[in-house]
């Protein structure tokens, strides 16, 4: 088990969105929450991610499992080149790099054993976070999502919404979460771009557990997801 929901219920303003939702996902499984607008799909993803609390029930994860959440309405970009935008989002790695540089700068000509040990620990931590390979990993992920070398230096503001979604997905994938939460990632895309982004998401999620929120069961089928359809205040598995 990598993730389990137990008896999740949620209401807003006296209206019950869903009641007693329970399901369990194993590693690499794919699940789609399918329902119309207002069914509570986004709310359910917020609960899974920890952004919201349920009225009842709980969400459990396997020890050490990391969750990445691509929100439908929260794709925010700074006016930065694409490469810098993705790098700057990796705050944990960048903070570890700053700590390491600070400790190295403090060594001086005659460092103490304690200082050398502290630098060694900082280097190990930075390496464990993938700091030494971060730049090459960012390039690899961006190239995999269809960006070119020229695009690396173009401002994010030059790209359409579909391409900005890819930048947001790149920032998510660099963190290498075990569980991916995607909220309507294909909304607003034309047919050609929809097919390409679907293929990219399928490839990106091949070694991850995926929870997709969508109003279109065809999205679930395209990604090979088990469908949990909304009906009578609950998400229940089809078939």
C-alpha atoms as a PDB file:
ATOM      1  CA  UNK A   1       0.000   0.000   0.000  1.00  0.00           C
ATOM      2  CA  UNK A   2       1.305   3.436  -0.928  1.00  0.00           C
ATOM      3  CA  UNK A   3      -1.867   5.422  -0.190  1.00  0.00           C
ATOM      4  CA  UNK A   4      -5.160   4.718   1.533  1.00  0.00           C
ATOM      5  CA  UNK A   5      -8.275   6.814   2.110  1.00  0.00           C
ATOM      6  CA  UNK A   6     -10.467   5.733   4.993  1.00  0.00           C
ATOM      7  CA  UNK A   7     -14.099   6.898   5.287  1.00  0.00           C
ATOM      8  CA  UNK A   8     -13.504  10.414   3.917  1.00  0.00           C
ATOM      9  CA  UNK A   9     -16.447  12.839   4.189  1.00  0.00           C
ATOM     10  CA  UNK A  10     -16.630  16.546   3.357  1.00  0.00           C
ATOM     11  CA  UNK A  11     -19.376  19.189   3.339  1.00  0.00           C
ATOM     12  CA  UNK A  12     -19.520  22.870   2.424  1.00  0.00           C
ATOM     13  CA  UNK A  13     -22.212  25.236   3.647  1.00  0.00           C
ATOM     14  CA  UNK A  14     -24.559  22.427   4.557  1.00  0.00           C
ATOM     15  CA  UNK A  15     -24.058  20.647   1.207  1.00  0.00           C
ATOM     16  CA  UNK A  16     -22.385  17.270   1.406  1.00  0.00           C
ATOM     17  CA  UNK A  17     -19.825  16.823  -1.354  1.00  0.00           C
ATOM     18  CA  UNK A  18     -19.040  13.204  -0.599  1.00  0.00           C
ATOM     19  CA  UNK A  19     -19.482  10.726   2.224  1.00  0.00           C
ATOM     20  CA  UNK A  20     -17.583   7.657   3.441  1.00  0.00           C
ATOM     21  CA  UNK A  21     -15.138   7.470   0.514  1.00  0.00           C
ATOM     22  CA  UNK A  22     -12.661   4.642   0.962  1.00  0.00           C
ATOM     23  CA  UNK A  23     -10.061   3.301  -1.438  1.00  0.00           C
ATOM     24  CA  UNK A  24      -6.535   1.938  -1.416  1.00  0.00           C
ATOM     25  CA  UNK A  25      -3.764   2.277  -3.991  1.00  0.00           C
ATOM     26  CA  UNK A  26      -0.737   0.073  -4.409  1.00  0.00           C
ATOM     27  CA  UNK A  27       2.530   1.282  -5.887  1.00  0.00           C
ATOM     28  CA  UNK A  28       2.234   2.244  -9.591  1.00  0.00           C
ATOM     29  CA  UNK A  29      -1.560   1.966  -9.651  1.00  0.00           C
ATOM     30  CA  UNK A  30      -3.593   4.636 -11.459  1.00  0.00           C
ATOM     31  CA  UNK A  31      -6.957   5.973 -10.365  1.00  0.00           C
ATOM     32  CA  UNK A  32      -9.260   8.601 -11.858  1.00  0.00           C
ATOM     33  CA  UNK A  33     -11.891  10.574  -9.979  1.00  0.00           C
ATOM     34  CA  UNK A  34     -14.486  11.211 -12.682  1.00  0.00           C
ATOM     35  CA  UNK A  35     -17.424  13.553 -12.254  1.00  0.00           C
ATOM     36  CA  UNK A  36     -18.982  16.857 -13.298  1.00  0.00           C
ATOM     37  CA  UNK A  37     -17.957  20.279 -12.048  1.00  0.00           C
ATOM     38  CA  UNK A  38     -18.961  20.673  -8.412  1.00  0.00           C
ATOM     39  CA  UNK A  39     -18.623  16.971  -7.609  1.00  0.00           C
ATOM     40  CA  UNK A  40     -15.712  17.677  -5.263  1.00  0.00           C
ATOM     41  CA  UNK A  41     -12.855  16.260  -7.328  1.00  0.00           C
ATOM     42  CA  UNK A  42     -10.516  19.167  -6.550  1.00  0.00           C
ATOM     43  CA  UNK A  43     -11.539  19.086  -2.897  1.00  0.00           C
ATOM     44  CA  UNK A  44     -10.676  15.396  -2.751  1.00  0.00           C
ATOM     45  CA  UNK A  45      -7.228  16.060  -4.245  1.00  0.00           C
ATOM     46  CA  UNK A  46      -6.739  18.879  -1.731  1.00  0.00           C
ATOM     47  CA  UNK A  47      -7.567  16.455   1.072  1.00  0.00           C
ATOM     48  CA  UNK A  48      -5.177  13.822  -0.292  1.00  0.00           C
ATOM     49  CA  UNK A  49      -2.398  16.425  -0.607  1.00  0.00           C
ATOM     50  CA  UNK A  50      -3.022  17.764   2.903  1.00  0.00           C
ATOM     51  CA  UNK A  51      -4.121  21.200   1.697  1.00  0.00           C
ATOM     52  CA  UNK A  52      -7.565  20.646   3.240  1.00  0.00           C
ATOM     53  CA  UNK A  53      -8.839  18.548   6.132  1.00  0.00           C
ATOM     54  CA  UNK A  54     -11.762  16.148   5.769  1.00  0.00           C
ATOM     55  CA  UNK A  55     -14.743  16.456   8.086  1.00  0.00           C
ATOM     56  CA  UNK A  56     -14.340  12.757   8.809  1.00  0.00           C
ATOM     57  CA  UNK A  57     -11.833  10.067   7.931  1.00  0.00           C
ATOM     58  CA  UNK A  58      -8.118  10.081   7.244  1.00  0.00           C
ATOM     59  CA  UNK A  59      -5.517   9.686   4.501  1.00  0.00           C
ATOM     60  CA  UNK A  60      -2.562   7.354   5.021  1.00  0.00           C
ATOM     61  CA  UNK A  61       0.665   7.097   3.018  1.00  0.00           C
ATOM     62  CA  UNK A  62       3.494   4.608   3.019  1.00  0.00           C
ATOM     63  CA  UNK A  63       6.479   5.791   5.040  1.00  0.00           C
ATOM     64  CA  UNK A  64       8.601   8.240   3.060  1.00  0.00           C
ATOM     65  CA  UNK A  65       6.149   8.571   0.168  1.00  0.00           C
ATOM     66  CA  UNK A  66       6.322  12.022  -1.428  1.00  0.00           C
ATOM     67  CA  UNK A  67       3.296  13.618  -3.049  1.00  0.00           C
ATOM     68  CA  UNK A  68       3.379  15.962  -6.048  1.00  0.00           C
ATOM     69  CA  UNK A  69       0.268  17.985  -6.857  1.00  0.00           C
ATOM     70  CA  UNK A  70      -0.419  19.742 -10.163  1.00  0.00           C
ATOM     71  CA  UNK A  71      -3.348  22.016  -9.341  1.00  0.00           C
ATOM     72  CA  UNK A  72      -5.805  23.106 -12.002  1.00  0.00           C
ATOM     73  CA  UNK A  73      -5.862  26.814 -11.202  1.00  0.00           C
ATOM     74  CA  UNK A  74      -2.503  27.334  -9.516  1.00  0.00           C
ATOM     75  CA  UNK A  75       0.049  27.392 -12.349  1.00  0.00           C
ATOM     76  CA  UNK A  76       2.096  30.433 -11.392  1.00  0.00           C
ATOM     77  CA  UNK A  77       5.183  31.513 -13.300  1.00  0.00           C
ATOM     78  CA  UNK A  78       7.712  34.211 -12.662  1.00  0.00           C
ATOM     79  CA  UNK A  79       9.097  36.235 -15.578  1.00  0.00           C
ATOM     80  CA  UNK A  80      12.151  33.987 -15.773  1.00  0.00           C
ATOM     81  CA  UNK A  81      13.788  31.877 -18.470  1.00  0.00           C
ATOM     82  CA  UNK A  82      12.295  28.380 -18.520  1.00  0.00           C
ATOM     83  CA  UNK A  83      15.443  26.709 -17.198  1.00  0.00           C
ATOM     84  CA  UNK A  84      15.753  29.164 -14.289  1.00  0.00           C
ATOM     85  CA  UNK A  85      12.041  28.883 -13.496  1.00  0.00           C
ATOM     86  CA  UNK A  86      12.329  25.127 -13.051  1.00  0.00           C
ATOM     87  CA  UNK A  87      15.620  25.296 -11.135  1.00  0.00           C
ATOM     88  CA  UNK A  88      14.328  28.021  -8.791  1.00  0.00           C
ATOM     89  CA  UNK A  89      11.377  25.860  -7.767  1.00  0.00           C
ATOM     90  CA  UNK A  90      13.667  23.220  -6.231  1.00  0.00           C
ATOM     91  CA  UNK A  91      13.907  25.053  -2.921  1.00  0.00           C
ATOM     92  CA  UNK A  92      15.065  22.123  -0.797  1.00  0.00           C
ATOM     93  CA  UNK A  93      18.053  21.472  -3.063  1.00  0.00           C
ATOM     94  CA  UNK A  94      18.922  25.183  -3.348  1.00  0.00           C
ATOM     95  CA  UNK A  95      18.767  25.647   0.426  1.00  0.00           C
ATOM     96  CA  UNK A  96      21.082  22.654   0.889  1.00  0.00           C
ATOM     97  CA  UNK A  97      23.455  24.187  -1.661  1.00  0.00           C
ATOM     98  CA  UNK A  98      23.472  27.507   0.225  1.00  0.00           C
ATOM     99  CA  UNK A  99      24.215  25.723   3.514  1.00  0.00           C
ATOM    100  CA  UNK A 100      27.085  23.850   1.900  1.00  0.00           C
ATOM    101  CA  UNK A 101      28.591  27.002   0.348  1.00  0.00           C
ATOM    102  CA  UNK A 102      28.294  28.864   3.662  1.00  0.00           C
ATOM    103  CA  UNK A 103      30.083  26.111   5.564  1.00  0.00           C
ATOM    104  CA  UNK A 104      32.807  25.851   2.887  1.00  0.00           C
ATOM    105  CA  UNK A 105      33.343  29.629   3.002  1.00  0.00           C
ATOM    106  CA  UNK A 106      33.823  29.456   6.772  1.00  0.00           C
ATOM    107  CA  UNK A 107      36.580  26.823   6.637  1.00  0.00           C
ATOM    108  CA  UNK A 108      39.464  29.257   6.322  1.00  0.00           C
ATOM    109  CA  UNK A 109      43.121  28.189   6.121  1.00  0.00           C
ATOM    110  CA  UNK A 110      43.062  25.998   9.242  1.00  0.00           C
ATOM    111  CA  UNK A 111      39.655  24.364   9.589  1.00  0.00           C
ATOM    112  CA  UNK A 112      38.802  22.392  12.703  1.00  0.00           C
ATOM    113  CA  UNK A 113      37.719  18.771  12.661  1.00  0.00           C
ATOM    114  CA  UNK A 114      34.213  19.874  13.597  1.00  0.00           C
ATOM    115  CA  UNK A 115      34.064  22.236  10.629  1.00  0.00           C
ATOM    116  CA  UNK A 116      35.316  19.575   8.235  1.00  0.00           C
ATOM    117  CA  UNK A 117      32.771  17.105   9.578  1.00  0.00           C
ATOM    118  CA  UNK A 118      29.976  19.667   9.140  1.00  0.00           C
ATOM    119  CA  UNK A 119      31.009  20.263   5.527  1.00  0.00           C
ATOM    120  CA  UNK A 120      31.092  16.516   4.912  1.00  0.00           C
ATOM    121  CA  UNK A 121      27.574  16.114   6.246  1.00  0.00           C
ATOM    122  CA  UNK A 122      26.365  19.053   4.148  1.00  0.00           C
ATOM    123  CA  UNK A 123      27.930  17.546   1.015  1.00  0.00           C
ATOM    124  CA  UNK A 124      26.289  14.195   1.714  1.00  0.00           C
ATOM    125  CA  UNK A 125      22.906  15.865   2.222  1.00  0.00           C
ATOM    126  CA  UNK A 126      23.295  17.851  -0.990  1.00  0.00           C
ATOM    127  CA  UNK A 127      24.244  14.718  -2.918  1.00  0.00           C
ATOM    128  CA  UNK A 128      21.286  12.756  -1.502  1.00  0.00           C
ATOM    129  CA  UNK A 129      18.935  15.487  -2.748  1.00  0.00           C
ATOM    130  CA  UNK A 130      20.426  15.187  -6.232  1.00  0.00           C
ATOM    131  CA  UNK A 131      22.124  18.573  -6.109  1.00  0.00           C
ATOM    132  CA  UNK A 132      25.151  17.617  -8.159  1.00  0.00           C
ATOM    133  CA  UNK A 133      22.982  16.314 -11.006  1.00  0.00           C
ATOM    134  CA  UNK A 134      20.154  18.865 -10.756  1.00  0.00           C
ATOM    135  CA  UNK A 135      21.002  20.913 -13.850  1.00  0.00           C
ATOM    136  CA  UNK A 136      21.345  17.864 -16.105  1.00  0.00           C
ATOM    137  CA  UNK A 137      18.125  16.412 -14.692  1.00  0.00           C
ATOM    138  CA  UNK A 138      16.229  19.649 -15.370  1.00  0.00           C
ATOM    139  CA  UNK A 139      17.411  19.628 -18.982  1.00  0.00           C
ATOM    140  CA  UNK A 140      16.503  15.977 -19.400  1.00  0.00           C
ATOM    141  CA  UNK A 141      12.975  16.469 -18.052  1.00  0.00           C
ATOM    142  CA  UNK A 142      12.365  19.623 -20.114  1.00  0.00           C
ATOM    143  CA  UNK A 143      13.628  17.972 -23.303  1.00  0.00           C
ATOM    144  CA  UNK A 144      11.355  15.019 -22.552  1.00  0.00           C
ATOM    145  CA  UNK A 145       8.403  17.406 -22.345  1.00  0.00           C
ATOM    146  CA  UNK A 146       9.138  18.824 -25.774  1.00  0.00           C
ATOM    147  CA  UNK A 147      11.273  21.895 -24.989  1.00  0.00           C
ATOM    148  CA  UNK A 148      14.328  22.701 -27.087  1.00  0.00           C
ATOM    149  CA  UNK A 149      17.722  24.072 -26.134  1.00  0.00           C
ATOM    150  CA  UNK A 150      16.609  27.489 -27.402  1.00  0.00           C
ATOM    151  CA  UNK A 151      13.574  27.340 -25.112  1.00  0.00           C
ATOM    152  CA  UNK A 152      15.816  27.117 -22.045  1.00  0.00           C
ATOM    153  CA  UNK A 153      16.521  30.858 -22.227  1.00  0.00           C
ATOM    154  CA  UNK A 154      13.049  32.013 -23.309  1.00  0.00           C
ATOM    155  CA  UNK A 155      10.844  33.676 -20.702  1.00  0.00           C
ATOM    156  CA  UNK A 156       7.973  31.592 -19.364  1.00  0.00           C
ATOM    157  CA  UNK A 157       5.643  34.472 -20.280  1.00  0.00           C
ATOM    158  CA  UNK A 158       6.245  33.733 -23.972  1.00  0.00           C
ATOM    159  CA  UNK A 159       4.541  30.347 -23.703  1.00  0.00           C
ATOM    160  CA  UNK A 160       0.862  29.452 -24.018  1.00  0.00           C
ATOM    161  CA  UNK A 161      -1.163  27.899 -21.218  1.00  0.00           C
ATOM    162  CA  UNK A 162      -0.548  24.378 -22.492  1.00  0.00           C
ATOM    163  CA  UNK A 163       3.216  24.903 -22.477  1.00  0.00           C
ATOM    164  CA  UNK A 164       3.093  26.572 -19.062  1.00  0.00           C
ATOM    165  CA  UNK A 165       1.339  23.463 -17.797  1.00  0.00           C
ATOM    166  CA  UNK A 166       4.336  21.480 -19.085  1.00  0.00           C
ATOM    167  CA  UNK A 167       6.703  23.790 -17.186  1.00  0.00           C
ATOM    168  CA  UNK A 168       4.650  23.233 -14.021  1.00  0.00           C
ATOM    169  CA  UNK A 169       4.755  19.476 -14.645  1.00  0.00           C
ATOM    170  CA  UNK A 170       8.538  19.643 -15.086  1.00  0.00           C
ATOM    171  CA  UNK A 171       8.900  21.380 -11.712  1.00  0.00           C
ATOM    172  CA  UNK A 172       6.830  18.613 -10.196  1.00  0.00           C
ATOM    173  CA  UNK A 173       8.707  15.739 -11.838  1.00  0.00           C
ATOM    174  CA  UNK A 174      12.132  17.062 -10.819  1.00  0.00           C
ATOM    175  CA  UNK A 175      11.114  16.464  -7.201  1.00  0.00           C
ATOM    176  CA  UNK A 176      10.441  12.831  -8.195  1.00  0.00           C
ATOM    177  CA  UNK A 177       7.338  12.210  -6.071  1.00  0.00           C
ATOM    178  CA  UNK A 178       6.067   8.662  -5.633  1.00  0.00           C
ATOM    179  CA  UNK A 179       2.445   9.856  -5.870  1.00  0.00           C
ATOM    180  CA  UNK A 180       1.228  12.259  -8.595  1.00  0.00           C
ATOM    181  CA  UNK A 181      -2.010  14.193  -8.168  1.00  0.00           C
ATOM    182  CA  UNK A 182      -3.227  15.842 -11.390  1.00  0.00           C
ATOM    183  CA  UNK A 183      -6.290  18.108 -11.447  1.00  0.00           C
ATOM    184  CA  UNK A 184      -7.817  18.399 -14.944  1.00  0.00           C
ATOM    185  CA  UNK A 185      -4.424  18.600 -16.704  1.00  0.00           C
ATOM    186  CA  UNK A 186      -6.011  18.504 -20.177  1.00  0.00           C
ATOM    187  CA  UNK A 187      -8.661  21.165 -19.714  1.00  0.00           C
ATOM    188  CA  UNK A 188      -8.576  23.839 -22.427  1.00  0.00           C
ATOM    189  CA  UNK A 189      -6.196  21.975 -24.749  1.00  0.00           C
ATOM    190  CA  UNK A 190      -7.016  21.441 -28.413  1.00  0.00           C
ATOM    191  CA  UNK A 191      -7.203  17.862 -29.684  1.00  0.00           C
ATOM    192  CA  UNK A 192      -3.650  17.683 -31.040  1.00  0.00           C
ATOM    193  CA  UNK A 193      -2.052  19.158 -27.924  1.00  0.00           C
ATOM    194  CA  UNK A 194      -4.319  17.055 -25.717  1.00  0.00           C
ATOM    195  CA  UNK A 195      -3.035  13.861 -27.340  1.00  0.00           C
ATOM    196  CA  UNK A 196       0.576  14.918 -26.969  1.00  0.00           C
ATOM    197  CA  UNK A 197       0.228  16.018 -23.340  1.00  0.00           C
ATOM    198  CA  UNK A 198      -1.634  12.784 -22.542  1.00  0.00           C
ATOM    199  CA  UNK A 199       1.310  10.813 -23.909  1.00  0.00           C
ATOM    200  CA  UNK A 200       3.748  12.943 -21.905  1.00  0.00           C
ATOM    201  CA  UNK A 201       1.789  12.468 -18.686  1.00  0.00           C
ATOM    202  CA  UNK A 202       1.515   8.722 -19.280  1.00  0.00           C
ATOM    203  CA  UNK A 203       5.277   8.509 -19.757  1.00  0.00           C
ATOM    204  CA  UNK A 204       6.003  10.711 -16.724  1.00  0.00           C
ATOM    205  CA  UNK A 205       3.729   8.593 -14.527  1.00  0.00           C
ATOM    206  CA  UNK A 206       5.027   5.216 -15.656  1.00  0.00           C
ATOM    207  CA  UNK A 207       6.927   4.622 -12.383  1.00  0.00           C
ATOM    208  CA  UNK A 208       4.538   6.504 -10.099  1.00  0.00           C
ATOM    209  CA  UNK A 209       1.172   6.129  -8.445  1.00  0.00           C
ATOM    210  CA  UNK A 210      -1.298   8.453 -10.179  1.00  0.00           C
ATOM    211  CA  UNK A 211      -4.550  10.057  -9.051  1.00  0.00           C
ATOM    212  CA  UNK A 212      -6.270  12.019 -11.826  1.00  0.00           C
ATOM    213  CA  UNK A 213      -9.284  14.308 -11.421  1.00  0.00           C
ATOM    214  CA  UNK A 214     -11.268  14.773 -14.629  1.00  0.00           C
ATOM    215  CA  UNK A 215     -14.773  15.353 -15.955  1.00  0.00           C
ATOM    216  CA  UNK A 216     -14.062  13.134 -18.975  1.00  0.00           C
ATOM    217  CA  UNK A 217     -13.854   9.346 -18.633  1.00  0.00           C
ATOM    218  CA  UNK A 218     -11.859   9.286 -21.899  1.00  0.00           C
ATOM    219  CA  UNK A 219      -8.942  10.907 -20.040  1.00  0.00           C
ATOM    220  CA  UNK A 220      -8.990   8.058 -17.539  1.00  0.00           C
ATOM    221  CA  UNK A 221      -9.055   5.469 -20.318  1.00  0.00           C
ATOM    222  CA  UNK A 222      -6.165   7.147 -22.157  1.00  0.00           C
ATOM    223  CA  UNK A 223      -3.999   6.920 -19.038  1.00  0.00           C
ATOM    224  CA  UNK A 224      -5.098   3.429 -18.056  1.00  0.00           C
ATOM    225  CA  UNK A 225      -6.748   4.555 -14.830  1.00  0.00           C
ATOM    226  CA  UNK A 226      -9.283   2.659 -12.793  1.00  0.00           C
ATOM    227  CA  UNK A 227     -12.382   4.878 -12.760  1.00  0.00           C
ATOM    228  CA  UNK A 228     -14.027   6.042  -9.566  1.00  0.00           C
ATOM    229  CA  UNK A 229     -17.153   7.817 -10.790  1.00  0.00           C
ATOM    230  CA  UNK A 230     -19.117  10.324  -8.734  1.00  0.00           C
ATOM    231  CA  UNK A 231     -22.676   9.295  -7.887  1.00  0.00           C
ATOM    232  CA  UNK A 232     -24.973   9.940  -4.917  1.00  0.00           C
ATOM    233  CA  UNK A 233     -22.349  11.790  -2.875  1.00  0.00           C
ATOM    234  CA  UNK A 234     -19.526   9.315  -3.289  1.00  0.00           C
ATOM    235  CA  UNK A 235     -16.772   8.198  -5.644  1.00  0.00           C
ATOM    236  CA  UNK A 236     -17.261   4.516  -6.425  1.00  0.00           C
ATOM    237  CA  UNK A 237     -15.292   2.232  -8.687  1.00  0.00           C
ATOM    238  CA  UNK A 238     -16.871   1.394 -12.024  1.00  0.00           C
ATOM    239  CA  UNK A 239     -17.112  -2.199 -13.051  1.00  0.00           C
END
